[in-house]
Amino acid sequence: MLFGFRRKYAVYNFTVYESKSQNGFCYIWEKKDGKRGVNEICSNLYQYLVKVGDEGQFKSVSFFCDNYPGQNKNKIMVSMMFHFLKNCKNVEELTITYLVAGHTYMPVDSVHAVIENYSKSMNVQAPSEWSIIIRNARRRPKPYEIIQVYYPDILDWKSLSVPRKLQSVDGLDIKMNDVTRIKFKQMLCFYEL
């Protein structure tokens, strides 16, 4: 007699949407390659930033994201941004704006809606099918770009993170929960509460 259970196999999608060009970049990885934590998010965002830096078109890059502390709003993300600016020759300034909880509709959400609507009637048999489904979900202005992420692509950003508290110029502790915007310029960091 054989016993078993059936469970959906997780495939994760971290999406960057460029408002000006309307390009969507979907970083896809399977459960065997990583989780949905800060290391995965920072690794994907870092990979995107390196691409932008190598292209050399922009001196300043702005991000808008939700307020989720486990993925976006933490000292590990701050450390990754500093690491990127220190090693990038073309980008001089980064800004992250954290939207108010409950009011976080962003253009990137439309990417997820398009993929969901396109795939809801499909019977996906293998995780590898998701790349094709996501690419085909949008035809205009052009299909979403798929970046397949594997275990070696996910870096340990937690080890790079500064263990000390974030402090203002006056020496006051800054709580990440209170931060609404962070601007990185050269090796300085400006917090907006």
Foldseek 3Di string as FASTA:
>chain_A
DDDDDDDDWDKDWDWDADPVVRAIETEIETVVQHDQFQLVLLLVVLVVLVVVLVVLPDQEEEEEDEDDDRHDQDQLSVLSVLVSCVPGDRHFKYKYFYDDPPPDDDPVVVLVVLLCVQPVVPDDDDPVCSVVSQQPSDPPPHGHHYHYDGNVSRDDSVVSGDPDFDADPVRHGDDSSPFGMWMQGRNDIDTDD
